[in-house]
Amino acid sequence: MELYPVELQTQDTQFRALFPSAPKEDKVLLVFRACWNPNVQEFPGRVYVTVNDIYFYSHHIGLVLVSSIPLSVINDVEYMIEKGCDKIILNIGDDKITIKTFLDPVRLLHRRLQLLLHNYDTPLPNLFEELTRLDFQEDE
């Protein structure tokens, strides 16, 4: 793909190695480090957000966790700023999945995830443009 940013091409290559069964047309649009908390246990790793899904990969203390969630089942994305870490909360029906972030600006991550959640059927060049534009918006 001609307009696919070089930085994302590298991430997409790594993503394909970790998730070989992911559809080829499902391009990586956002990557960030996080702790995934699907239940009581936390797993440090990397979140890959594509056009259609959110994927999580963790390899920690000899254990490997591979998980994915279709964007279509996520009702809403919230964020919380706390002492020590920030949180992204994925609302899926009555359930919530908490993703702790430490390095990335949580407000920007939230805006990007909201954009992808509400525009998953938008052509890729338009999504790249919108995601880039979010980088230059002021935080609330």
N, C-alpha and C. Protein backbone atom coordinates (compact mmCIF):
# COMPACT_ATOMS: atom_id res chain seq x y z
N MET A 1 0.85 -1.18 0.00
CA MET A 1 0.00 0.00 0.00
C MET A 1 0.89 1.24 0.00
N GLU A 2 0.64 2.09 -0.94
CA GLU A 2 1.49 3.26 -1.17
C GLU A 2 1.46 4.26 -0.02
N LEU A 3 0.31 4.53 0.54
CA LEU A 3 0.19 5.56 1.57
C LEU A 3 0.42 5.03 2.99
N TYR A 4 0.75 3.77 3.13
CA TYR A 4 0.94 3.19 4.44
C TYR A 4 2.26 3.69 5.04
N PRO A 5 2.23 4.37 6.19
CA PRO A 5 3.45 4.95 6.77
C PRO A 5 4.53 3.90 7.06
N VAL A 6 5.77 4.27 6.85
CA VAL A 6 6.91 3.36 7.05
C VAL A 6 6.94 2.84 8.48
N GLU A 7 6.67 3.71 9.46
CA GLU A 7 6.68 3.29 10.87
C GLU A 7 5.67 2.17 11.12
N LEU A 8 4.52 2.27 10.48
CA LEU A 8 3.49 1.24 10.66
C LEU A 8 3.81 -0.02 9.87
N GLN A 9 4.52 0.11 8.76
CA GLN A 9 4.91 -1.07 7.99
C GLN A 9 5.77 -2.01 8.85
N THR A 10 6.68 -1.43 9.62
CA THR A 10 7.53 -2.22 10.52
C THR A 10 6.68 -2.90 11.58
N GLN A 11 5.75 -2.15 12.17
CA GLN A 11 4.86 -2.73 13.19
C GLN A 11 3.97 -3.81 12.58
N ASP A 12 3.52 -3.59 11.35
CA ASP A 12 2.66 -4.56 10.68
C ASP A 12 3.41 -5.87 10.44
N THR A 13 4.69 -5.78 10.10
CA THR A 13 5.50 -6.98 9.89
C THR A 13 5.61 -7.78 11.19
N GLN A 14 5.87 -7.10 12.29
CA GLN A 14 5.93 -7.78 13.59
C GLN A 14 4.56 -8.37 13.94
N PHE A 15 3.50 -7.61 13.70
CA PHE A 15 2.14 -8.07 13.97
C PHE A 15 1.84 -9.36 13.20
N ARG A 16 2.23 -9.42 11.93
CA ARG A 16 1.98 -10.61 11.10
C ARG A 16 2.72 -11.83 11.65
N ALA A 17 3.91 -11.62 12.21
CA ALA A 17 4.65 -12.73 12.80
C ALA A 17 3.95 -13.25 14.06
N LEU A 18 3.37 -12.34 14.85
CA LEU A 18 2.70 -12.73 16.09
C LEU A 18 1.29 -13.25 15.87
N PHE A 19 0.61 -12.74 14.83
CA PHE A 19 -0.77 -13.11 14.54
C PHE A 19 -0.89 -13.53 13.07
N PRO A 20 -0.33 -14.70 12.73
CA PRO A 20 -0.30 -15.11 11.32
C PRO A 20 -1.69 -15.35 10.72
N SER A 21 -2.69 -15.61 11.53
CA SER A 21 -4.03 -15.87 11.00
C SER A 21 -4.86 -14.60 10.81
N ALA A 22 -4.32 -13.44 11.17
CA ALA A 22 -5.05 -12.17 10.98
C ALA A 22 -5.23 -11.92 9.49
N PRO A 23 -6.39 -11.42 9.09
CA PRO A 23 -6.63 -11.14 7.67
C PRO A 23 -5.60 -10.17 7.10
N LYS A 24 -5.12 -10.43 5.90
CA LYS A 24 -4.09 -9.59 5.25
C LYS A 24 -4.57 -8.15 5.06
N GLU A 25 -5.85 -7.95 4.82
CA GLU A 25 -6.37 -6.60 4.62
C GLU A 25 -6.52 -5.82 5.92
N ASP A 26 -6.34 -6.48 7.05
CA ASP A 26 -6.47 -5.86 8.37
C ASP A 26 -5.14 -5.19 8.72
N LYS A 27 -4.95 -3.95 8.30
CA LYS A 27 -3.70 -3.22 8.50
C LYS A 27 -3.59 -2.64 9.91
N VAL A 28 -2.39 -2.65 10.48
CA VAL A 28 -2.13 -2.07 11.80
C VAL A 28 -2.19 -0.54 11.68
N LEU A 29 -2.98 0.08 12.55
CA LEU A 29 -3.15 1.53 12.55
C LEU A 29 -2.60 2.19 13.81
N LEU A 30 -2.46 1.41 14.87
CA LEU A 30 -2.03 1.97 16.16
C LEU A 30 -1.38 0.85 16.96
N VAL A 31 -0.26 1.16 17.61
CA VAL A 31 0.45 0.20 18.45
C VAL A 31 0.89 0.92 19.71
N PHE A 32 0.69 0.27 20.87
CA PHE A 32 1.19 0.86 22.11
C PHE A 32 1.44 -0.23 23.15
N ARG A 33 2.36 0.06 24.08
CA ARG A 33 2.68 -0.85 25.18
C ARG A 33 1.65 -0.67 26.27
N ALA A 34 1.29 -1.79 26.92
CA ALA A 34 0.25 -1.73 27.94
C ALA A 34 0.25 -2.99 28.79
N CYS A 35 -0.51 -2.95 29.87
CA CYS A 35 -0.82 -4.14 30.65
C CYS A 35 -2.30 -4.45 30.42
N TRP A 36 -2.54 -5.63 29.92
CA TRP A 36 -3.89 -6.08 29.58
C TRP A 36 -4.45 -6.79 30.80
N ASN A 37 -5.67 -6.47 31.16
CA ASN A 37 -6.28 -7.05 32.35
C ASN A 37 -7.63 -7.65 31.99
N PRO A 38 -7.64 -8.83 31.35
CA PRO A 38 -8.92 -9.43 30.98
C PRO A 38 -9.69 -10.01 32.17
N ASN A 39 -8.99 -10.26 33.26
CA ASN A 39 -9.62 -10.77 34.49
C ASN A 39 -8.82 -10.21 35.66
N VAL A 40 -8.44 -11.01 36.60
CA VAL A 40 -7.68 -10.55 37.76
C VAL A 40 -6.20 -10.39 37.45
N GLN A 41 -5.66 -11.25 36.59
CA GLN A 41 -4.24 -11.26 36.25
C GLN A 41 -3.92 -10.16 35.23
N GLU A 42 -2.78 -9.48 35.41
CA GLU A 42 -2.32 -8.48 34.44
C GLU A 42 -1.21 -9.07 33.59
N PHE A 43 -1.22 -8.73 32.31
CA PHE A 43 -0.22 -9.20 31.38
C PHE A 43 0.43 -8.01 30.67
N PRO A 44 1.72 -7.76 30.89
CA PRO A 44 2.39 -6.68 30.16
C PRO A 44 2.66 -7.11 28.72
N GLY A 45 2.46 -6.19 27.80
CA GLY A 45 2.69 -6.55 26.40
C GLY A 45 2.44 -5.40 25.47
N ARG A 46 1.95 -5.73 24.29
CA ARG A 46 1.76 -4.74 23.23
C ARG A 46 0.37 -4.90 22.64
N VAL A 47 -0.27 -3.75 22.40
CA VAL A 47 -1.60 -3.70 21.80
C VAL A 47 -1.45 -3.25 20.36
N TYR A 48 -2.06 -4.01 19.45
CA TYR A 48 -2.08 -3.67 18.02
C TYR A 48 -3.54 -3.41 17.65
N VAL A 49 -3.81 -2.23 17.12
CA VAL A 49 -5.17 -1.91 16.70
C VAL A 49 -5.17 -1.86 15.18
N THR A 50 -6.08 -2.64 14.60
CA THR A 50 -6.19 -2.68 13.14
C THR A 50 -7.52 -2.06 12.73
N VAL A 51 -7.82 -2.14 11.48
CA VAL A 51 -9.06 -1.59 10.96
C VAL A 51 -10.27 -2.25 11.61
N ASN A 52 -10.17 -3.54 11.93
CA ASN A 52 -11.33 -4.28 12.42
C ASN A 52 -11.22 -4.81 13.85
N ASP A 53 -10.02 -4.91 14.39
CA ASP A 53 -9.85 -5.60 15.67
C ASP A 53 -8.79 -4.94 16.55
N ILE A 54 -8.83 -5.29 17.83
CA ILE A 54 -7.77 -4.95 18.77
C ILE A 54 -7.11 -6.27 19.16
N TYR A 55 -5.80 -6.34 18.98
CA TYR A 55 -5.03 -7.55 19.31
C TYR A 55 -4.10 -7.23 20.47
N PHE A 56 -3.85 -8.25 21.30
CA PHE A 56 -2.91 -8.08 22.40
C PHE A 56 -1.96 -9.26 22.41
N TYR A 57 -0.66 -8.96 22.58
CA TYR A 57 0.37 -10.00 22.68
C TYR A 57 1.21 -9.74 23.92
N SER A 58 1.38 -10.81 24.73
CA SER A 58 2.23 -10.73 25.90
C SER A 58 3.09 -11.99 25.99
N HIS A 59 4.35 -11.81 26.27
CA HIS A 59 5.26 -12.91 26.57
C HIS A 59 5.97 -12.51 27.85
N HIS A 60 5.49 -13.06 28.97
CA HIS A 60 5.96 -12.61 30.29
C HIS A 60 6.18 -13.82 31.19
N ILE A 61 7.32 -13.89 31.80
CA ILE A 61 7.75 -14.99 32.68
C ILE A 61 7.45 -16.36 32.08
N GLY A 62 7.76 -16.50 30.80
CA GLY A 62 7.58 -17.77 30.13
C GLY A 62 6.16 -18.05 29.65
N LEU A 63 5.21 -17.20 29.97
CA LEU A 63 3.83 -17.39 29.55
C LEU A 63 3.53 -16.48 28.36
N VAL A 64 2.77 -17.01 27.42
CA VAL A 64 2.38 -16.23 26.25
C VAL A 64 0.86 -16.07 26.26
N LEU A 65 0.41 -14.83 26.09
CA LEU A 65 -1.01 -14.53 25.98
C LEU A 65 -1.24 -13.86 24.64
N VAL A 66 -2.14 -14.41 23.86
CA VAL A 66 -2.53 -13.85 22.58
C VAL A 66 -4.04 -13.71 22.63
N SER A 67 -4.53 -12.50 22.34
CA SER A 67 -5.96 -12.25 22.45
C SER A 67 -6.38 -11.23 21.39
N SER A 68 -7.66 -11.25 21.03
CA SER A 68 -8.17 -10.23 20.12
C SER A 68 -9.64 -9.97 20.41
N ILE A 69 -10.06 -8.76 20.05
CA ILE A 69 -11.45 -8.33 20.24
C ILE A 69 -11.86 -7.57 18.98
N PRO A 70 -12.97 -7.95 18.36
CA PRO A 70 -13.44 -7.16 17.22
C PRO A 70 -13.90 -5.77 17.67
N LEU A 71 -13.56 -4.75 16.91
CA LEU A 71 -14.02 -3.40 17.23
C LEU A 71 -15.54 -3.33 17.25
N SER A 72 -16.19 -4.17 16.46
CA SER A 72 -17.65 -4.12 16.35
C SER A 72 -18.38 -4.50 17.65
N VAL A 73 -17.71 -5.19 18.58
CA VAL A 73 -18.37 -5.57 19.84
C VAL A 73 -18.13 -4.56 20.96
N ILE A 74 -17.25 -3.59 20.72
CA ILE A 74 -16.94 -2.59 21.74
C ILE A 74 -17.97 -1.47 21.65
N ASN A 75 -18.65 -1.22 22.75
CA ASN A 75 -19.68 -0.17 22.79
C ASN A 75 -19.07 1.21 22.95
N ASP A 76 -18.03 1.31 23.79
CA ASP A 76 -17.45 2.60 24.09
C ASP A 76 -16.05 2.41 24.65
N VAL A 77 -15.26 3.47 24.57
CA VAL A 77 -13.91 3.49 25.14
C VAL A 77 -13.86 4.66 26.11
N GLU A 78 -13.40 4.39 27.32
CA GLU A 78 -13.24 5.44 28.33
C GLU A 78 -11.77 5.49 28.74
N TYR A 79 -11.40 6.52 29.47
CA TYR A 79 -10.06 6.56 30.02
C TYR A 79 -10.10 7.13 31.43
N MET A 80 -9.09 6.77 32.21
CA MET A 80 -8.94 7.27 33.58
C MET A 80 -7.47 7.61 33.78
N ILE A 81 -7.24 8.74 34.42
CA ILE A 81 -5.87 9.12 34.77
C ILE A 81 -5.72 8.85 36.26
N GLU A 82 -4.76 8.00 36.60
CA GLU A 82 -4.53 7.64 37.99
C GLU A 82 -3.06 7.83 38.32
N LYS A 83 -2.79 7.84 39.59
CA LYS A 83 -1.40 7.93 40.04
C LYS A 83 -0.68 6.62 39.69
N GLY A 84 0.43 6.71 39.00
CA GLY A 84 1.21 5.53 38.66
C GLY A 84 0.95 4.97 37.28
N CYS A 85 -0.27 5.13 36.76
CA CYS A 85 -0.59 4.65 35.42
C CYS A 85 -1.90 5.28 34.95
N ASP A 86 -2.14 5.20 33.68
CA ASP A 86 -3.41 5.62 33.11
C ASP A 86 -4.12 4.37 32.62
N LYS A 87 -5.42 4.47 32.43
CA LYS A 87 -6.19 3.31 32.01
C LYS A 87 -7.09 3.64 30.83
N ILE A 88 -7.16 2.69 29.92
CA ILE A 88 -8.15 2.70 28.84
C ILE A 88 -9.13 1.59 29.21
N ILE A 89 -10.41 1.89 29.18
CA ILE A 89 -11.43 0.90 29.52
C ILE A 89 -12.28 0.64 28.29
N LEU A 90 -12.30 -0.62 27.86
CA LEU A 90 -13.13 -1.02 26.73
C LEU A 90 -14.44 -1.57 27.29
N ASN A 91 -15.55 -0.95 26.95
CA ASN A 91 -16.87 -1.39 27.40
C ASN A 91 -17.47 -2.31 26.35
N ILE A 92 -17.70 -3.56 26.77
CA ILE A 92 -18.24 -4.58 25.88
C ILE A 92 -19.49 -5.13 26.56
N GLY A 93 -20.64 -4.60 26.20
CA GLY A 93 -21.87 -4.99 26.88
C GLY A 93 -21.76 -4.62 28.35
N ASP A 94 -22.00 -5.60 29.23
CA ASP A 94 -21.87 -5.37 30.67
C ASP A 94 -20.45 -5.59 31.17
N ASP A 95 -19.57 -6.07 30.32
CA ASP A 95 -18.19 -6.35 30.70
C ASP A 95 -17.28 -5.17 30.38
N LYS A 96 -16.15 -5.12 31.06
CA LYS A 96 -15.13 -4.10 30.82
C LYS A 96 -13.77 -4.79 30.79
N ILE A 97 -12.95 -4.33 29.88
CA ILE A 97 -11.56 -4.77 29.84
C ILE A 97 -10.71 -3.54 30.09
N THR A 98 -9.82 -3.66 31.07
CA THR A 98 -8.95 -2.54 31.44
C THR A 98 -7.58 -2.74 30.83
N ILE A 99 -7.08 -1.69 30.21
CA ILE A 99 -5.74 -1.68 29.63
C ILE A 99 -4.97 -0.57 30.32
N LYS A 100 -3.95 -0.92 31.08
CA LYS A 100 -3.13 0.09 31.75
C LYS A 100 -2.03 0.55 30.79
N THR A 101 -1.87 1.86 30.71
CA THR A 101 -0.80 2.43 29.89
C THR A 101 0.11 3.25 30.79
N PHE A 102 1.38 3.32 30.42
CA PHE A 102 2.36 4.00 31.26
C PHE A 102 3.11 5.10 30.52
N LEU A 103 3.36 4.91 29.24
CA LEU A 103 4.22 5.84 28.50
C LEU A 103 3.46 6.73 27.51
N ASP A 104 2.43 6.21 26.91
CA ASP A 104 1.70 6.96 25.89
C ASP A 104 0.68 7.90 26.53
N PRO A 105 0.47 9.08 25.94
CA PRO A 105 -0.52 10.01 26.47
C PRO A 105 -1.93 9.41 26.35
N VAL A 106 -2.58 9.19 27.47
CA VAL A 106 -3.85 8.46 27.49
C VAL A 106 -4.96 9.21 26.76
N ARG A 107 -4.95 10.53 26.83
CA ARG A 107 -6.01 11.28 26.11
C ARG A 107 -5.89 11.09 24.60
N LEU A 108 -4.66 11.09 24.09
CA LEU A 108 -4.44 10.87 22.66
C LEU A 108 -4.83 9.44 22.29
N LEU A 109 -4.43 8.46 23.09
CA LEU A 109 -4.83 7.07 22.83
C LEU A 109 -6.34 6.95 22.81
N HIS A 110 -7.00 7.59 23.77
CA HIS A 110 -8.46 7.54 23.85
C HIS A 110 -9.08 8.12 22.58
N ARG A 111 -8.60 9.29 22.15
CA ARG A 111 -9.15 9.92 20.94
C ARG A 111 -8.92 9.02 19.71
N ARG A 112 -7.74 8.44 19.62
CA ARG A 112 -7.46 7.56 18.48
C ARG A 112 -8.36 6.32 18.50
N LEU A 113 -8.50 5.71 19.67
CA LEU A 113 -9.36 4.52 19.76
C LEU A 113 -10.82 4.87 19.46
N GLN A 114 -11.29 6.00 19.94
CA GLN A 114 -12.66 6.44 19.65
C GLN A 114 -12.83 6.63 18.14
N LEU A 115 -11.86 7.27 17.51
CA LEU A 115 -11.92 7.48 16.07
C LEU A 115 -12.02 6.15 15.33
N LEU A 116 -11.16 5.20 15.68
CA LEU A 116 -11.16 3.90 15.01
C LEU A 116 -12.43 3.12 15.30
N LEU A 117 -12.92 3.22 16.51
CA LEU A 117 -14.15 2.51 16.90
C LEU A 117 -15.35 3.00 16.09
N HIS A 118 -15.42 4.29 15.87
CA HIS A 118 -16.59 4.87 15.20
C HIS A 118 -16.42 5.00 13.69
N ASN A 119 -15.23 4.67 13.17
CA ASN A 119 -14.98 4.83 11.74
C ASN A 119 -14.29 3.61 11.13
N TYR A 120 -14.59 2.42 11.64
CA TYR A 120 -13.87 1.26 11.16
C TYR A 120 -14.13 0.93 9.68
N ASP A 121 -15.17 1.51 9.08
CA ASP A 121 -15.44 1.26 7.66
C ASP A 121 -14.95 2.38 6.74
N THR A 122 -14.16 3.31 7.29
CA THR A 122 -13.61 4.43 6.53
C THR A 122 -12.38 3.95 5.74
N PRO A 123 -12.19 4.45 4.50
CA PRO A 123 -10.99 4.06 3.74
C PRO A 123 -9.70 4.41 4.49
N LEU A 124 -8.69 3.56 4.35
CA LEU A 124 -7.43 3.72 5.08
C LEU A 124 -6.76 5.08 4.92
N PRO A 125 -6.64 5.64 3.71
CA PRO A 125 -5.97 6.95 3.61
C PRO A 125 -6.65 8.02 4.47
N ASN A 126 -7.97 7.99 4.53
CA ASN A 126 -8.70 8.96 5.36
C ASN A 126 -8.43 8.73 6.85
N LEU A 127 -8.34 7.46 7.27
CA LEU A 127 -8.04 7.16 8.67
C LEU A 127 -6.65 7.64 9.04
N PHE A 128 -5.66 7.43 8.17
CA PHE A 128 -4.30 7.90 8.45
C PHE A 128 -4.29 9.41 8.64
N GLU A 129 -5.01 10.10 7.77
CA GLU A 129 -5.06 11.56 7.86
C GLU A 129 -5.70 12.00 9.18
N GLU A 130 -6.78 11.36 9.57
CA GLU A 130 -7.47 11.71 10.82
C GLU A 130 -6.61 11.37 12.04
N LEU A 131 -5.96 10.22 12.03
CA LEU A 131 -5.10 9.83 13.15
C LEU A 131 -3.94 10.81 13.31
N THR A 132 -3.36 11.24 12.21
CA THR A 132 -2.27 12.20 12.25
C THR A 132 -2.75 13.55 12.76
N ARG A 133 -3.93 13.96 12.33
CA ARG A 133 -4.50 15.25 12.76
C ARG A 133 -4.70 15.26 14.28
N LEU A 134 -5.06 14.13 14.86
CA LEU A 134 -5.26 14.05 16.31
C LEU A 134 -3.98 14.36 17.09
N ASP A 135 -2.83 14.07 16.49
CA ASP A 135 -1.55 14.35 17.16
C ASP A 135 -1.37 15.83 17.47
N PHE A 136 -1.99 16.69 16.67
CA PHE A 136 -1.78 18.12 16.80
C PHE A 136 -2.90 18.84 17.54
N GLN A 137 -3.89 18.08 18.03
CA GLN A 137 -4.95 18.69 18.81
C GLN A 137 -4.49 18.89 20.25
N GLU A 138 -4.99 19.92 20.86
CA GLU A 138 -4.69 20.18 22.27
C GLU A 138 -5.42 19.16 23.14
N ASP A 139 -4.79 18.77 24.25
CA ASP A 139 -5.49 17.94 25.23
C ASP A 139 -6.57 18.77 25.90
N GLU A 140 -7.68 18.07 26.25
CA GLU A 140 -8.76 18.78 26.93
C GLU A 140 -8.30 19.30 28.27
